[in-house]
Amino acid sequence: MKKENIIIYQAENGEIRLRADFKKENIWATQAQIGELFDIERSVVTKHIKNILRDNEVDTKSNVQKMHITNSDKLVYIYSLDIILAVGYRAKSTKAIYFRKWVTKTLKEHIVKGYTINKKQLKNNYEQFLKDVENIKSISLGKVNIKADDVLELVKIFASTWFSLDAYDKESFSKKGFTKKTINVEAKELYADIFKLKDDLIEKGEATNFFAQERAKNSFEGIFGNVFQSAFGEDAYKSIEEKAAHLLYFIVKDHPFIDGNKRSAAFSFVWFLRKAKIDFMEVITPQVLATITLLVAESDSKEKDRIIGFIILILKNKK
């Protein structure tokens, strides 16, 4: 199955593989090519795709495109890797069965080990892989409170996309895919919930009365106002991801409280994402949240934009 210099095919064990120099963020195929991949009729592919889109298994807008056939004005629909894989789950051919066996084996390995490695792809991109890992590790260099295993947890978050790691390295953070919607929240509402956290921590013996006590009157409200400020009808930080990242950063770095700044910042970060109804739990695990917060705390102020961008990239990898 070819598209420009890309070849997608199925190995004998059912694994979906790529051949040639592949540097894109997705794989696209026509119905005919998907049929060829799983050895099923095109009409069967059409039926499966119709059901996949009807059931909202994948988003139509981001997974279906139109393209012109070479030397022709005719348009043809092409479908993303998400749809290709979804068809493989539904098809009943021998090739599809091999594919599902491979997927089951791969998922089992991922669940048991916590990671999976495509040795063939890693071999082809080994130098880039080492460079990308070093890019992530570099921000924790010399920061004694950050454990190596926690940094590797962040590396895993980025495993799904070379683009994100490259953007992190170049400090070029695209705003494509940001969540833009209006959320009506107030500082006093968040502060009240932080005090509920405080009561819980005190009861557990994990905090004192100094926790979340402001150093100066309205210092926390000032940070909140800076994050959610607007001018001429435009928000200073337009997306949910930007607001959440800056809220975490400013609470940690500006120390509005006598004690508990990092825990309050992490709580505020999660609180706001929940208010915005953002599904972040797959990428912002407790371990990742703790590591991000420590990275912010121990980072140089000159790294602010890079750290903020790093947090945003993690949020953009949410499903």
Protein backbone atom coordinates (compact mmCIF):
# COMPACT_ATOMS: atom_id res chain seq x y z
CA MET A 1 0.00 0.00 0.00
CA LYS A 2 1.70 3.20 -1.17
CA LYS A 3 1.21 6.91 -0.71
CA GLU A 4 4.15 8.97 -1.99
CA ASN A 5 7.19 7.29 -0.39
CA ILE A 6 5.21 5.47 2.32
CA ILE A 7 4.49 1.75 2.24
CA ILE A 8 2.23 0.22 4.87
CA TYR A 9 1.92 -3.55 4.98
CA GLN A 10 1.19 -6.44 7.29
CA ALA A 11 3.96 -8.79 8.43
CA GLU A 12 3.40 -12.54 8.74
CA ASN A 13 2.61 -12.21 12.46
CA GLY A 14 -0.10 -9.64 11.75
CA GLU A 15 1.96 -6.59 12.74
CA ILE A 16 1.25 -3.37 10.87
CA ARG A 17 4.55 -2.07 9.55
CA LEU A 18 5.89 0.90 7.63
CA ARG A 19 8.59 0.78 5.01
CA ALA A 20 10.60 3.74 3.64
CA ASP A 21 11.42 7.09 5.16
CA PHE A 22 8.36 7.94 7.23
CA LYS A 23 8.40 11.34 8.92
CA LYS A 24 4.72 12.22 9.11
CA GLU A 25 2.42 12.31 12.14
CA ASN A 26 -0.17 9.97 10.62
CA ILE A 27 -0.75 7.34 7.96
CA TRP A 28 -3.53 7.74 5.41
CA ALA A 29 -5.06 5.13 3.11
CA THR A 30 -7.95 4.82 0.68
CA GLN A 31 -10.71 2.25 1.09
CA ALA A 32 -9.09 0.15 -1.63
CA GLN A 33 -5.76 0.20 0.18
CA ILE A 34 -7.37 -0.76 3.51
CA GLY A 35 -9.11 -3.63 1.74
CA GLU A 36 -5.77 -4.75 0.32
CA LEU A 37 -4.14 -4.55 3.74
CA PHE A 38 -6.68 -6.83 5.45
CA ASP A 39 -7.64 -8.85 2.36
CA ILE A 40 -11.31 -7.84 2.34
CA GLU A 41 -13.65 -6.44 -0.31
CA ARG A 42 -13.91 -2.68 -0.67
CA SER A 43 -17.67 -2.88 0.01
CA VAL A 44 -16.87 -4.49 3.37
CA VAL A 45 -14.42 -1.68 4.16
CA THR A 46 -17.11 0.88 3.28
CA LYS A 47 -19.57 -0.82 5.65
CA HIS A 48 -17.06 -0.95 8.52
CA ILE A 49 -16.03 2.69 8.11
CA LYS A 50 -19.67 3.77 8.04
CA ASN A 51 -20.30 1.94 11.34
CA ILE A 52 -17.08 3.26 12.92
CA LEU A 53 -18.05 6.86 12.16
CA ARG A 54 -21.70 6.31 13.12
CA ASP A 55 -20.65 4.94 16.53
CA ASN A 56 -18.32 7.92 17.04
CA GLU A 57 -15.44 5.49 17.55
CA VAL A 58 -13.25 8.11 15.88
CA ASP A 59 -13.81 11.75 15.01
CA THR A 60 -14.81 12.19 11.36
CA LYS A 61 -13.32 15.67 10.92
CA SER A 62 -9.79 14.72 11.98
CA ASN A 63 -9.71 11.20 10.51
CA VAL A 64 -11.29 11.58 7.06
CA GLN A 65 -9.84 13.76 4.30
CA LYS A 66 -10.26 14.29 0.58
CA MET A 67 -7.39 14.29 -1.91
CA HIS A 68 -7.02 14.61 -5.67
CA ILE A 69 -5.87 11.61 -7.66
CA THR A 70 -2.68 12.37 -9.61
CA ASN A 71 -3.38 13.77 -13.09
CA SER A 72 -7.11 13.85 -12.38
CA ASP A 73 -9.70 16.21 -10.95
CA LYS A 74 -11.39 13.29 -9.20
CA LEU A 75 -11.53 13.44 -5.41
CA VAL A 76 -11.02 10.36 -3.27
CA TYR A 77 -11.53 9.91 0.47
CA ILE A 78 -8.54 8.87 2.53
CA TYR A 79 -8.66 7.57 6.11
CA SER A 80 -6.27 7.92 9.06
CA LEU A 81 -4.41 5.20 10.94
CA ASP A 82 -7.11 5.24 13.66
CA ILE A 83 -9.70 4.16 11.08
CA ILE A 84 -7.33 1.64 9.48
CA LEU A 85 -6.82 -0.04 12.87
CA ALA A 86 -10.56 0.12 13.69
CA VAL A 87 -11.35 -1.70 10.44
CA GLY A 88 -8.76 -4.33 11.35
CA TYR A 89 -10.63 -4.99 14.61
CA ARG A 90 -13.93 -5.52 12.76
CA ALA A 91 -12.85 -7.45 9.67
CA LYS A 92 -13.21 -11.25 9.58
CA SER A 93 -10.44 -12.22 7.15
CA THR A 94 -7.42 -14.36 8.01
CA LYS A 95 -5.17 -11.29 7.79
CA ALA A 96 -7.42 -9.39 10.18
CA ILE A 97 -7.30 -12.29 12.65
CA TYR A 98 -3.48 -12.25 12.52
CA PHE A 99 -3.61 -8.49 13.06
CA ARG A 100 -5.82 -8.84 16.16
CA LYS A 101 -3.57 -11.55 17.62
CA TRP A 102 -0.59 -9.23 17.21
CA VAL A 103 -2.52 -6.34 18.83
CA THR A 104 -3.55 -8.51 21.79
CA LYS A 105 0.05 -9.65 22.31
CA THR A 106 1.31 -6.06 22.09
CA LEU A 107 -1.32 -4.70 24.48
CA LYS A 108 -0.63 -7.47 26.98
CA GLU A 109 3.08 -6.64 26.91
CA HIS A 110 2.28 -2.95 27.39
CA ILE A 111 -0.05 -3.58 30.35
CA VAL A 112 2.34 -5.99 32.09
CA LYS A 113 5.59 -4.08 31.43
CA GLY A 114 4.18 -0.57 31.30
CA TYR A 115 5.76 0.06 27.89
CA THR A 116 6.22 -1.43 24.43
CA ILE A 117 9.11 -1.02 22.02
CA ASN A 118 9.06 -1.40 18.24
CA LYS A 119 12.59 -2.73 17.82
CA LYS A 120 12.56 -2.25 14.06
CA GLN A 121 11.51 1.39 14.30
CA LEU A 122 13.89 2.02 17.20
CA LYS A 123 16.79 0.62 15.18
CA ASN A 124 15.93 2.88 12.24
CA ASN A 125 15.63 5.96 14.51
CA TYR A 126 18.12 5.07 17.22
CA GLU A 127 20.14 8.28 17.10
CA GLN A 128 16.98 10.39 17.15
CA PHE A 129 15.61 8.29 20.03
CA LEU A 130 18.71 8.92 22.16
CA LYS A 131 18.60 12.61 21.33
CA ASP A 132 14.92 12.86 22.28
CA VAL A 133 15.45 11.11 25.61
CA GLU A 134 18.30 13.49 26.40
CA ASN A 135 16.06 16.46 25.56
CA ILE A 136 13.61 15.38 28.27
CA LYS A 137 16.30 14.47 30.77
CA SER A 138 18.08 17.78 30.30
CA ILE A 139 15.49 19.80 32.21
CA SER A 140 15.96 17.58 35.27
CA LEU A 141 19.77 17.71 35.21
CA GLY A 142 21.13 18.63 38.60
CA LYS A 143 17.71 18.77 40.20
CA VAL A 144 18.08 16.41 43.14
CA ASN A 145 14.37 16.06 43.92
CA ILE A 146 13.53 14.57 40.54
CA LYS A 147 13.99 10.83 40.19
CA ALA A 148 15.17 9.17 36.98
CA ASP A 149 12.11 6.92 36.90
CA ASP A 150 9.86 9.97 37.07
CA VAL A 151 11.65 11.54 34.11
CA LEU A 152 11.19 8.30 32.17
CA GLU A 153 7.47 8.55 32.90
CA LEU A 154 7.51 11.86 31.05
CA VAL A 155 9.46 10.25 28.21
CA LYS A 156 6.70 7.64 27.89
CA ILE A 157 4.11 10.40 27.54
CA PHE A 158 5.98 11.62 24.47
CA ALA A 159 6.51 8.18 22.97
CA SER A 160 3.53 8.55 20.65
CA THR A 161 4.95 11.45 18.67
CA TRP A 162 8.42 12.42 17.48
CA PHE A 163 6.98 15.80 16.52
CA SER A 164 6.33 16.81 20.12
CA LEU A 165 9.86 15.99 21.16
CA ASP A 166 11.27 17.90 18.21
CA ALA A 167 9.08 20.88 19.07
CA TYR A 168 10.29 20.72 22.66
CA ASP A 169 13.90 20.71 21.49
CA LYS A 170 13.37 23.68 19.17
CA GLU A 171 11.02 25.51 21.56
CA SER A 172 8.54 25.83 18.71
CA PHE A 173 5.20 24.95 20.26
CA SER A 174 2.37 24.90 17.73
CA LYS A 175 -1.02 26.06 18.97
CA LYS A 176 -2.79 23.63 16.65
CA GLY A 177 -5.15 21.37 18.56
CA PHE A 178 -5.56 23.69 21.55
CA THR A 179 -8.88 23.64 23.42
CA LYS A 180 -10.56 27.03 23.19
CA LYS A 181 -13.75 27.57 25.18
CA THR A 182 -15.03 29.93 27.83
CA ILE A 183 -14.88 28.66 31.42
CA ASN A 184 -16.41 30.77 34.16
CA VAL A 185 -14.33 30.21 37.28
CA GLU A 186 -13.44 32.48 40.20
CA ALA A 187 -10.44 32.70 42.50
CA LYS A 188 -12.58 32.44 45.64
CA GLU A 189 -14.13 29.20 44.34
CA LEU A 190 -10.71 27.62 43.81
CA TYR A 191 -9.39 28.99 47.11
CA ALA A 192 -12.36 27.46 48.97
CA ASP A 193 -11.59 24.07 47.43
CA ILE A 194 -7.89 24.41 48.32
CA PHE A 195 -9.02 24.88 51.93
CA LYS A 196 -11.00 21.62 51.67
CA LEU A 197 -7.75 19.99 50.58
CA LYS A 198 -6.02 21.67 53.53
CA ASP A 199 -8.56 20.27 56.02
CA ASP A 200 -8.09 16.79 54.56
CA LEU A 201 -4.30 17.01 54.75
CA ILE A 202 -4.38 18.34 58.32
CA GLU A 203 -6.65 15.47 59.34
CA LYS A 204 -4.13 13.03 57.86
CA GLY A 205 -1.26 14.79 59.63
CA GLU A 206 0.26 15.87 56.29
CA ALA A 207 -0.11 19.65 56.70
CA THR A 208 -0.27 22.42 59.31
CA ASN A 209 -2.37 25.58 59.60
CA PHE A 210 0.27 27.41 57.59
CA PHE A 211 -0.74 25.39 54.51
CA ALA A 212 -2.31 27.71 51.87
CA GLN A 213 -2.09 30.70 54.20
CA GLU A 214 -1.34 33.76 52.06
CA ARG A 215 1.93 35.64 52.57
CA ALA A 216 0.20 38.87 51.54
CA LYS A 217 -3.48 39.71 51.20
CA ASN A 218 -4.95 38.81 47.80
CA SER A 219 -1.64 37.41 46.51
CA PHE A 220 -3.36 34.22 45.29
CA GLU A 221 -6.21 36.20 43.74
CA GLY A 222 -3.60 38.29 41.92
CA ILE A 223 -2.08 35.19 40.32
CA PHE A 224 -5.50 33.89 39.36
CA GLY A 225 -6.36 37.26 37.81
CA ASN A 226 -3.14 37.31 35.78
CA VAL A 227 -3.90 33.90 34.28
CA PHE A 228 -7.49 34.74 33.40
CA GLN A 229 -6.99 38.39 32.50
CA SER A 230 -8.24 39.77 29.20
CA ALA A 231 -7.68 42.94 27.21
CA PHE A 232 -9.91 44.35 24.50
CA GLY A 233 -12.11 41.28 24.72
CA GLU A 234 -9.22 38.83 24.18
CA ASP A 235 -7.86 36.48 26.85
CA ALA A 236 -4.16 36.80 27.60
CA TYR A 237 -3.93 33.00 27.45
CA LYS A 238 -6.48 31.87 24.90
CA SER A 239 -6.57 28.09 25.35
CA ILE A 240 -7.44 25.83 28.27
CA GLU A 241 -3.99 24.22 28.05
CA GLU A 242 -2.21 27.59 28.27
CA LYS A 243 -4.31 28.71 31.23
CA ALA A 244 -3.76 25.45 33.12
CA ALA A 245 0.01 25.46 32.53
CA HIS A 246 0.41 29.10 33.59
CA LEU A 247 -1.77 28.61 36.67
CA LEU A 248 0.50 25.77 37.82
CA TYR A 249 3.66 27.69 36.98
CA PHE A 250 2.77 30.97 38.68
CA ILE A 251 1.53 29.41 41.92
CA VAL A 252 4.73 27.38 42.23
CA LYS A 253 7.12 30.18 41.29
CA ASP A 254 5.43 33.19 42.95
CA HIS A 255 4.97 31.48 46.34
CA PRO A 256 1.66 33.11 47.33
CA PHE A 257 1.38 30.85 50.39
CA ILE A 258 3.54 30.43 53.50
CA ASP A 259 3.44 26.67 52.98
CA GLY A 260 2.03 24.22 50.43
CA ASN A 261 2.68 26.14 47.22
CA LYS A 262 3.59 23.09 45.12
CA ARG A 263 0.67 21.00 46.38
CA SER A 264 -1.73 23.91 45.94
CA ALA A 265 -0.40 24.48 42.42
CA ALA A 266 -0.84 20.84 41.43
CA PHE A 267 -4.33 20.84 42.94
CA SER A 268 -5.26 24.05 41.08
CA PHE A 269 -3.95 22.60 37.79
CA VAL A 270 -6.14 19.50 38.09
CA TRP A 271 -9.08 21.52 39.48
CA PHE A 272 -9.15 23.82 36.46
CA LEU A 273 -8.81 20.98 33.91
CA ARG A 274 -11.78 19.25 35.56
CA LYS A 275 -13.81 22.47 35.50
CA ALA A 276 -13.02 22.67 31.79
CA LYS A 277 -14.11 19.03 31.36
CA ILE A 278 -10.74 18.07 29.87
CA ASP A 279 -10.01 14.33 29.89
CA PHE A 280 -6.40 14.38 31.06
CA MET A 281 -6.13 11.30 33.28
CA GLU A 282 -4.31 9.14 30.72
CA VAL A 283 -1.38 11.53 30.43
CA ILE A 284 -1.40 13.41 33.76
CA THR A 285 -0.91 10.53 36.17
CA PRO A 286 -0.10 11.33 39.83
CA GLN A 287 3.55 10.54 39.11
CA VAL A 288 3.62 12.81 36.06
CA LEU A 289 1.86 15.62 37.96
CA ALA A 290 4.39 15.43 40.80
CA THR A 291 7.31 15.43 38.37
CA ILE A 292 5.98 18.38 36.37
CA THR A 293 5.45 20.37 39.56
CA LEU A 294 9.02 19.67 40.74
CA LEU A 295 10.39 20.59 37.31
CA VAL A 296 8.64 23.94 37.57
CA ALA A 297 9.85 24.49 41.13
CA GLU A 298 13.48 23.76 40.32
CA SER A 299 13.62 25.38 36.89
CA ASP A 300 15.43 28.62 36.16
CA SER A 301 13.11 31.56 35.47
CA LYS A 302 14.83 31.89 32.07
CA GLU A 303 13.34 28.49 31.16
CA LYS A 304 9.76 29.68 31.76
CA ASP A 305 8.53 29.53 28.15
CA ARG A 306 10.16 26.16 27.61
CA ILE A 307 8.66 24.66 30.77
CA ILE A 308 5.21 26.08 29.98
CA GLY A 309 5.46 24.68 26.46
CA PHE A 310 6.51 21.30 27.83
CA ILE A 311 3.41 21.11 30.06
CA ILE A 312 1.19 22.14 27.15
CA LEU A 313 2.68 19.45 24.91
CA ILE A 314 1.87 16.80 27.50
CA LEU A 315 -1.72 18.04 27.70
CA LYS A 316 -2.00 18.05 23.91
CA ASN A 317 -1.15 14.33 23.92
CA LYS A 318 -4.40 13.60 25.76
CA LYS A 319 -6.76 11.25 23.92
